[in-house]
């Protein structure tokens, strides 16, 4: 069996991808709680909590938390998205119990010392400033805010200077009580690990938490308004991003959208946008497209950076490519090559194990299922040229797109 699954008596779900002949393993806790779950006065709180979880527990001070895994050459990390918070570790498989215990201690026993909260605010304020110094990164956050205007899913994960300064320990504890429910937690692992041992350790370190569920429902994404916005910025390059709402995680056209994105502006140098905008015309050092699905919506975007004098020409060339993709179906040969390319990229991305472990947690949180590699390949093979054309006409319609330019 490719994946092994189990549910603890308190509702926490477990999933293991067994591997052989590997000395390393990966383990993580995924919680169905992200920045879109914050109240209006809590912007930046989910990410702030992720930072503060490492600042002291009932058993350990901040240094001892970090040293617990560092001392055996392991890596301990965490991140926050719009919909999840993840704490994870990579380690020699002999330290599996150490990793499970450390992450349980961080997630369940943190005490959030007031002194550490104050220090961590300064750290995050510096992080916010660092993004403001990097327009090629900042523009993606600002674009989501433009597309999902006045909706929690559009807000910057980091928060604002004002909102972060106002956060308190009371805010932290209130958010945890609302969102950190056992029904919203998944423990995922990849490695040469005995599944019975995994269950035993999960019961030992996570099993004593009382069962809890019924997290508050999320505010649904409603009608999206398009907008064109120019932000004057003192930069050498101009930055442009265009796009709009796309399909949700469970939409039947999700796989076709993934393939279309890979063909149009994926990571390979032979993507359509890179070949035609950068290689043929030589006017954009970096150009890419991206697709991010959420539980009830999604966003598709195209980004490029270029000389300020060339921004208008660049946009016209991109729109021309989008029009071609809407009007002319891919040939069966082109689609076949796109599928082969994506399959190879997927295989390489899973090689290290950590990406697979993170994907398992997200898959169960967002869709309550794990799709096997065989099933995924079948879904890819089932995508037709007609599907790609349908997705292109739905998502790449310029009249449905918002545009944000830094220049």
Protein backbone atom coordinates (compact mmCIF):
# COMPACT_ATOMS: atom_id res chain seq x y z
CA UNK A 1 0.00 0.00 0.00
CA UNK A 2 1.40 3.41 -1.00
CA UNK A 3 -0.01 5.27 2.02
CA UNK A 4 -1.01 4.11 5.50
CA UNK A 5 -3.66 6.03 7.44
CA UNK A 6 -5.08 6.00 10.95
CA UNK A 7 -7.22 8.27 13.13
CA UNK A 8 -6.54 8.67 16.84
CA UNK A 9 -9.45 8.43 19.27
CA UNK A 10 -9.40 12.24 19.63
CA UNK A 11 -9.79 12.80 15.88
CA UNK A 12 -6.20 13.61 14.88
CA UNK A 13 -5.46 11.97 11.53
CA UNK A 14 -2.20 10.18 10.68
CA UNK A 15 -0.71 9.38 7.29
CA UNK A 16 2.56 7.63 6.46
CA UNK A 17 4.34 7.17 3.16
CA UNK A 18 6.69 4.23 3.86
CA UNK A 19 10.04 4.22 2.09
CA UNK A 20 12.93 1.78 2.11
CA UNK A 21 16.70 2.10 1.95
CA UNK A 22 16.72 5.63 3.37
CA UNK A 23 18.37 6.74 6.58
CA UNK A 24 16.41 10.00 6.72
CA UNK A 25 12.78 10.62 7.58
CA UNK A 26 10.38 13.56 7.73
CA UNK A 27 7.54 14.33 10.12
CA UNK A 28 5.13 17.23 10.39
CA UNK A 29 1.99 18.60 11.99
CA UNK A 30 -0.42 20.42 9.69
CA UNK A 31 -3.15 22.52 11.30
CA UNK A 32 -6.12 23.80 9.34
CA UNK A 33 -5.54 27.37 10.53
CA UNK A 34 -4.10 30.19 8.45
CA UNK A 35 -4.29 33.91 7.89
CA UNK A 36 -7.77 33.74 6.33
CA UNK A 37 -9.07 32.54 9.72
CA UNK A 38 -8.07 35.74 11.50
CA UNK A 39 -10.63 38.26 12.70
CA UNK A 40 -10.41 41.81 11.38
CA UNK A 41 -8.37 42.91 14.40
CA UNK A 42 -6.00 39.92 14.18
CA UNK A 43 -4.19 40.45 10.88
CA UNK A 44 -0.84 38.65 10.99
CA UNK A 45 -1.81 36.57 14.03
CA UNK A 46 -1.57 33.07 12.50
CA UNK A 47 1.99 33.79 11.34
CA UNK A 48 2.83 35.47 14.65
CA UNK A 49 1.72 32.36 16.54
CA UNK A 50 3.91 30.19 14.32
CA UNK A 51 6.91 32.28 15.41
CA UNK A 52 5.94 32.36 19.09
CA UNK A 53 5.48 28.59 19.28
CA UNK A 54 9.28 28.30 19.34
CA UNK A 55 9.76 30.75 22.23
CA UNK A 56 9.19 28.51 25.22
CA UNK A 57 7.08 25.61 26.48
CA UNK A 58 6.21 24.24 29.90
CA UNK A 59 9.37 22.11 29.65
CA UNK A 60 11.82 24.09 27.53
CA UNK A 61 13.14 27.58 26.93
CA UNK A 62 13.58 28.85 23.38
CA UNK A 63 17.22 27.74 23.16
CA UNK A 64 16.40 24.22 24.29
CA UNK A 65 13.62 23.93 21.70
CA UNK A 66 16.02 24.70 18.87
CA UNK A 67 18.81 22.63 20.36
CA UNK A 68 16.57 19.58 20.71
CA UNK A 69 16.76 18.86 16.97
CA UNK A 70 19.88 20.82 16.01
CA UNK A 71 22.00 18.73 18.38
CA UNK A 72 21.38 15.60 16.29
CA UNK A 73 21.86 17.31 12.93
CA UNK A 74 18.14 17.55 12.23
CA UNK A 75 16.20 20.45 10.75
CA UNK A 76 13.18 21.93 12.54
CA UNK A 77 11.05 24.51 10.77
CA UNK A 78 7.55 25.95 10.35
CA UNK A 79 5.53 28.10 7.98
CA UNK A 80 2.12 29.71 7.66
CA UNK A 81 -0.09 29.97 4.58
CA UNK A 82 -3.51 31.45 3.96
CA UNK A 83 -5.12 28.21 5.18
CA UNK A 84 -2.56 26.15 7.13
CA UNK A 85 0.11 26.30 9.78
CA UNK A 86 2.80 23.61 9.54
CA UNK A 87 5.55 22.55 11.95
CA UNK A 88 7.91 19.92 10.57
CA UNK A 89 11.30 18.27 10.91
CA UNK A 90 13.77 16.26 8.81
CA UNK A 91 16.12 13.90 10.63
CA UNK A 92 17.88 10.56 10.74
CA UNK A 93 15.18 7.93 11.15
CA UNK A 94 16.68 6.84 14.49
CA UNK A 95 15.49 10.20 15.89
CA UNK A 96 11.85 9.77 14.90
CA UNK A 97 10.55 9.78 18.47
CA UNK A 98 12.62 12.86 19.27
CA UNK A 99 10.98 14.69 16.35
CA UNK A 100 7.44 13.65 17.31
CA UNK A 101 7.99 14.67 20.94
CA UNK A 102 9.59 18.01 20.02
CA UNK A 103 6.79 19.03 17.66
CA UNK A 104 4.13 17.92 20.14
CA UNK A 105 5.80 19.99 22.86
CA UNK A 106 5.93 23.06 20.61
CA UNK A 107 2.35 22.75 19.38
CA UNK A 108 0.65 21.74 22.62
CA UNK A 109 2.71 23.14 25.51
CA UNK A 110 3.86 26.59 24.42
CA UNK A 111 3.47 29.24 27.14
CA UNK A 112 4.06 32.42 25.08
CA UNK A 113 6.18 34.47 27.52
CA UNK A 114 5.34 38.17 27.34
CA UNK A 115 9.02 39.08 26.97
CA UNK A 116 9.40 36.74 23.99
CA UNK A 117 6.20 38.06 22.41
CA UNK A 118 7.61 41.59 22.53
CA UNK A 119 10.91 40.49 20.95
CA UNK A 120 9.19 38.49 18.22
CA UNK A 121 7.13 41.50 17.19
CA UNK A 122 10.38 43.27 16.31
CA UNK A 123 11.52 40.24 14.30
CA UNK A 124 8.31 40.21 12.26
CA UNK A 125 8.39 43.98 11.74
CA UNK A 126 11.87 43.51 10.25
CA UNK A 127 10.46 40.73 8.06
CA UNK A 128 7.75 43.08 6.80
CA UNK A 129 10.37 45.71 5.98
CA UNK A 130 12.49 43.15 4.13
CA UNK A 131 9.55 42.34 1.85
CA UNK A 132 9.05 46.03 1.15
CA UNK A 133 12.66 46.07 -0.05
CA UNK A 134 11.88 43.25 -2.49
CA UNK A 135 9.19 44.39 -4.96
CA UNK A 136 9.39 41.13 -6.93
CA UNK A 137 8.10 39.33 -3.82
CA UNK A 138 5.86 42.03 -2.38
CA UNK A 139 3.85 42.34 -5.59
CA UNK A 140 2.42 38.82 -5.18
CA UNK A 141 1.00 39.66 -1.75
CA UNK A 142 -0.35 43.00 -2.94
CA UNK A 143 -1.92 41.31 -5.95
CA UNK A 144 -3.86 38.81 -3.83
CA UNK A 145 -5.10 41.73 -1.77
CA UNK A 146 -6.22 43.41 -4.99
CA UNK A 147 -8.02 40.32 -6.33
CA UNK A 148 -9.62 39.31 -3.02
CA UNK A 149 -10.31 42.85 -1.87
CA UNK A 150 -11.95 43.16 1.57
CA UNK A 151 -11.74 39.41 2.13
CA UNK A 152 -9.51 37.67 4.72
CA UNK A 153 -7.93 35.42 2.08
CA UNK A 154 -6.48 38.49 0.38
CA UNK A 155 -4.72 39.87 3.44
CA UNK A 156 -0.95 39.70 3.76
CA UNK A 157 0.08 36.73 5.91
CA UNK A 158 2.64 38.86 7.76
CA UNK A 159 0.08 41.50 8.73
CA UNK A 160 0.87 45.20 8.86
CA UNK A 161 3.14 47.17 11.16
CA UNK A 162 0.10 48.50 13.00
CA UNK A 163 -1.67 45.13 13.34
CA UNK A 164 1.44 43.25 14.53
CA UNK A 165 2.21 45.85 17.20
CA UNK A 166 -1.34 45.47 18.55
CA UNK A 167 -1.24 41.66 18.92
CA UNK A 168 -1.31 40.25 22.45
CA UNK A 169 -1.06 36.97 24.33
CA UNK A 170 -4.83 37.11 24.73
CA UNK A 171 -5.18 37.20 20.92
CA UNK A 172 -2.90 34.17 20.64
CA UNK A 173 -4.81 32.07 23.16
CA UNK A 174 -8.16 33.03 21.64
CA UNK A 175 -7.05 32.03 18.12
CA UNK A 176 -5.66 28.72 19.36
CA UNK A 177 -8.91 27.91 21.14
CA UNK A 178 -10.89 28.67 17.96
CA UNK A 179 -8.75 26.99 15.33
CA UNK A 180 -6.36 24.43 16.85
CA UNK A 181 -8.94 21.63 17.05
CA UNK A 182 -8.00 17.95 16.93
CA UNK A 183 -10.34 17.48 13.97
CA UNK A 184 -8.23 20.09 12.14
CA UNK A 185 -4.84 18.42 12.78
CA UNK A 186 -2.93 15.95 10.62
CA UNK A 187 0.34 14.17 11.44
CA UNK A 188 2.21 13.16 8.29
CA UNK A 189 5.45 11.25 7.88
CA UNK A 190 7.67 9.91 5.12
CA UNK A 191 10.46 7.44 5.73
CA UNK A 192 11.47 3.91 6.63
CA UNK A 193 9.22 4.01 9.69
CA UNK A 194 7.17 1.23 11.25
CA UNK A 195 3.51 2.28 11.10
CA UNK A 196 2.66 0.66 14.44
CA UNK A 197 5.46 2.68 16.02
CA UNK A 198 4.10 5.84 14.38
CA UNK A 199 0.65 5.19 15.87
CA UNK A 200 2.13 4.41 19.29
CA UNK A 201 4.19 7.62 19.37
CA UNK A 202 1.27 9.70 18.11
CA UNK A 203 -0.91 8.29 20.89
CA UNK A 204 1.84 8.92 23.44
CA UNK A 205 2.49 12.57 22.55
CA UNK A 206 -0.74 13.73 20.88
CA UNK A 207 -3.34 11.29 22.18
CA UNK A 208 -4.04 12.97 25.50
CA UNK A 209 -5.48 16.11 23.92
CA UNK A 210 -9.26 16.13 24.40
CA UNK A 211 -11.23 15.63 21.21
CA UNK A 212 -12.42 18.92 19.73
CA UNK A 213 -14.04 19.93 16.48
CA UNK A 214 -16.50 22.35 14.90
CA UNK A 215 -13.98 25.04 14.03
CA UNK A 216 -15.72 28.20 12.91
CA UNK A 217 -16.66 28.15 9.20
CA UNK A 218 -14.59 30.31 6.89
CA UNK A 219 -16.00 33.35 5.17
CA UNK A 220 -16.75 32.25 1.60
CA UNK A 221 -15.20 34.00 -1.38
CA UNK A 222 -17.96 35.80 -3.26
CA UNK A 223 -17.96 37.80 -6.49
CA UNK A 224 -14.55 39.13 -7.54
CA UNK A 225 -14.18 42.61 -9.04
CA UNK A 226 -11.41 43.30 -11.55
CA UNK A 227 -9.14 46.30 -11.13
CA UNK A 228 -6.11 47.86 -12.78
CA UNK A 229 -3.70 49.58 -10.41
CA UNK A 230 -0.40 51.40 -10.92
CA UNK A 231 1.85 51.95 -7.91
CA UNK A 232 4.68 54.42 -8.38
CA UNK A 233 7.83 52.94 -6.92
CA UNK A 234 11.45 54.06 -7.01
CA UNK A 235 12.92 50.93 -8.57
CA UNK A 236 15.20 50.27 -11.53
CA UNK A 237 12.81 47.67 -12.94
CA UNK A 238 9.08 47.72 -13.47
CA UNK A 239 7.10 44.77 -12.13
CA UNK A 240 3.79 43.60 -13.54
CA UNK A 241 1.39 40.93 -12.37
CA UNK A 242 -1.96 40.05 -13.93
CA UNK A 243 -4.55 37.38 -13.28
CA UNK A 244 -7.64 36.63 -11.28
CA UNK A 245 -9.74 34.05 -9.52
CA UNK A 246 -9.19 30.41 -10.45
CA UNK A 247 -10.51 26.97 -9.50
CA UNK A 248 -10.65 25.62 -5.94
CA UNK A 249 -8.85 22.54 -4.65
CA UNK A 250 -11.67 20.12 -5.36
CA UNK A 251 -12.71 21.48 -8.77
CA UNK A 252 -12.83 18.97 -11.61
CA UNK A 253 -10.64 21.26 -13.76
CA UNK A 254 -7.87 21.61 -11.19
CA UNK A 255 -5.55 19.09 -12.88
CA UNK A 256 -6.09 20.68 -16.29
CA UNK A 257 -5.26 24.07 -14.77
CA UNK A 258 -2.04 22.70 -13.29
CA UNK A 259 -0.99 21.42 -16.71
CA UNK A 260 -1.97 24.63 -18.48
CA UNK A 261 0.03 26.65 -15.98
CA UNK A 262 3.08 24.44 -16.47
CA UNK A 263 2.84 24.83 -20.24
CA UNK A 264 2.27 28.58 -20.13
CA UNK A 265 4.73 29.80 -17.51
CA UNK A 266 5.91 26.95 -15.33
CA UNK A 267 9.42 26.48 -13.92
CA UNK A 268 10.99 25.05 -17.08
CA UNK A 269 12.97 27.32 -19.40
CA UNK A 270 10.91 26.11 -22.38
CA UNK A 271 7.61 27.46 -21.04
CA UNK A 272 5.63 29.38 -23.63
CA UNK A 273 5.98 32.74 -21.91
CA UNK A 274 9.69 32.34 -21.27
CA UNK A 275 10.42 31.28 -24.84
CA UNK A 276 8.39 34.03 -26.48
CA UNK A 277 8.85 36.98 -24.11
CA UNK A 278 12.36 36.44 -22.80
CA UNK A 279 14.13 34.36 -25.42
CA UNK A 280 12.53 35.69 -28.61
CA UNK A 281 12.08 39.34 -27.62
CA UNK A 282 14.65 39.59 -24.82
CA UNK A 283 12.60 42.02 -22.77
CA UNK A 284 11.95 40.26 -19.46
CA UNK A 285 14.62 38.66 -17.31
CA UNK A 286 12.01 36.83 -15.24
CA UNK A 287 8.55 35.81 -16.39
CA UNK A 288 6.37 33.10 -14.89
CA UNK A 289 2.81 32.04 -14.21
CA UNK A 290 1.37 30.50 -11.07
CA UNK A 291 -1.75 28.74 -9.86
CA UNK A 292 -2.67 28.56 -6.18
CA UNK A 293 -5.88 26.69 -5.31
CA UNK A 294 -7.65 27.19 -1.98
CA UNK A 295 -10.50 25.25 -0.40
CA UNK A 296 -13.22 27.37 -2.00
CA UNK A 297 -11.41 29.50 -4.57
CA UNK A 298 -8.02 29.97 -6.18
CA UNK A 299 -5.82 32.49 -7.94
CA UNK A 300 -3.97 32.40 -11.26
CA UNK A 301 -1.29 34.96 -12.00
CA UNK A 302 1.38 35.93 -14.51
CA UNK A 303 4.37 37.93 -13.31
CA UNK A 304 7.21 39.65 -15.14
CA UNK A 305 9.95 42.13 -14.38
CA UNK A 306 11.38 44.35 -17.10
CA UNK A 307 12.72 47.77 -17.99
CA UNK A 308 10.18 50.50 -17.23
CA UNK A 309 10.21 51.58 -20.87
CA UNK A 310 9.22 48.08 -21.96
CA UNK A 311 6.36 47.40 -19.57
CA UNK A 312 3.62 48.31 -22.07
CA UNK A 313 5.16 46.17 -24.81
CA UNK A 314 5.62 43.28 -22.39
CA UNK A 315 1.99 43.37 -21.34
CA UNK A 316 0.82 43.36 -24.96
CA UNK A 317 3.01 40.36 -25.75
CA UNK A 318 1.64 38.46 -22.76
CA UNK A 319 -1.94 39.24 -23.74
CA UNK A 320 -1.17 38.01 -27.25
CA UNK A 321 0.05 34.69 -25.84
CA UNK A 322 -3.06 34.36 -23.70
CA UNK A 323 -5.28 35.08 -26.70
CA UNK A 324 -3.49 32.40 -28.73
CA UNK A 325 -3.99 29.88 -25.94
CA UNK A 326 -7.70 30.75 -25.74
CA UNK A 327 -8.27 30.59 -29.49
CA UNK A 328 -6.10 27.66 -30.55
CA UNK A 329 -6.19 24.26 -28.88
CA UNK A 330 -2.89 22.59 -28.04
CA UNK A 331 -1.91 19.85 -30.41
CA UNK A 332 -1.99 16.34 -28.99
CA UNK A 333 1.81 16.27 -29.31
CA UNK A 334 2.23 19.48 -27.31
CA UNK A 335 -0.11 18.21 -24.59
CA UNK A 336 1.73 14.89 -24.44
CA UNK A 337 5.05 16.70 -23.98
CA UNK A 338 3.53 18.90 -21.28
CA UNK A 339 2.34 15.83 -19.38
CA UNK A 340 5.74 14.14 -19.67
CA UNK A 341 7.45 17.28 -18.41
CA UNK A 342 5.15 17.66 -15.42
CA UNK A 343 5.51 13.99 -14.46
CA UNK A 344 9.29 14.36 -14.46
CA UNK A 345 9.17 17.55 -12.41
CA UNK A 346 6.79 15.93 -9.93
CA UNK A 347 9.04 12.89 -9.50
CA UNK A 348 12.11 15.06 -8.87
CA UNK A 349 10.24 17.24 -6.37
CA UNK A 350 9.24 14.19 -4.32
CA UNK A 351 12.72 12.67 -4.33
CA UNK A 352 13.83 14.25 -1.05
CA UNK A 353 10.75 13.19 0.90
CA UNK A 354 10.03 16.44 2.71
CA UNK A 355 7.83 17.79 -0.10
CA UNK A 356 5.85 14.56 -0.11
CA UNK A 357 5.37 14.74 3.66
CA UNK A 358 4.11 18.33 3.45
CA UNK A 359 1.83 17.48 0.52
CA UNK A 360 0.28 14.58 2.45
CA UNK A 361 -0.68 16.84 5.34
CA UNK A 362 -2.14 19.47 3.04
CA UNK A 363 -4.06 16.92 0.98
CA UNK A 364 -5.85 15.46 3.99
CA UNK A 365 -6.53 18.90 5.50
CA UNK A 366 -7.94 20.37 2.29
CA UNK A 367 -9.62 17.36 0.64
CA UNK A 368 -9.68 14.65 3.33
CA UNK A 369 -7.98 12.24 0.97
CA UNK A 370 -4.59 11.20 -0.32
CA UNK A 371 -4.17 10.78 -4.05
CA UNK A 372 -1.71 8.04 -4.93
CA UNK A 373 0.95 8.63 -7.55
CA UNK A 374 -0.83 6.15 -9.83
CA UNK A 375 -4.13 8.02 -9.47
CA UNK A 376 -2.41 11.36 -10.08
CA UNK A 377 -0.79 10.07 -13.26
CA UNK A 378 -4.18 8.78 -14.42
CA UNK A 379 -5.73 12.19 -13.77
CA UNK A 380 -2.97 13.82 -15.79
CA UNK A 381 -3.37 11.36 -18.65
CA UNK A 382 -7.13 12.00 -18.71
CA UNK A 383 -6.71 15.73 -19.41
CA UNK A 384 -7.59 16.50 -23.02
CA UNK A 385 -6.75 19.36 -25.37
CA UNK A 386 -10.41 20.37 -25.03
CA UNK A 387 -9.98 20.63 -21.24
CA UNK A 388 -6.96 22.93 -21.63
CA UNK A 389 -8.88 25.11 -24.07
CA UNK A 390 -11.85 25.33 -21.69
CA UNK A 391 -9.62 26.32 -18.77
CA UNK A 392 -7.78 28.89 -20.88
CA UNK A 393 -11.03 30.55 -21.94
CA UNK A 394 -12.32 30.62 -18.37
CA UNK A 395 -9.17 31.81 -16.57
CA UNK A 396 -7.12 33.66 -19.19
CA UNK A 397 -9.85 36.04 -20.34
CA UNK A 398 -8.25 39.48 -20.08
CA UNK A 399 -11.61 41.05 -19.23
CA UNK A 400 -11.71 38.94 -16.05
CA UNK A 401 -8.17 39.84 -15.03
CA UNK A 402 -6.84 42.39 -12.60
CA UNK A 403 -3.49 44.07 -13.25
CA UNK A 404 -0.99 45.48 -10.77
CA UNK A 405 2.11 47.38 -11.89
CA UNK A 406 5.01 48.69 -9.85
CA UNK A 407 6.72 51.34 -11.92
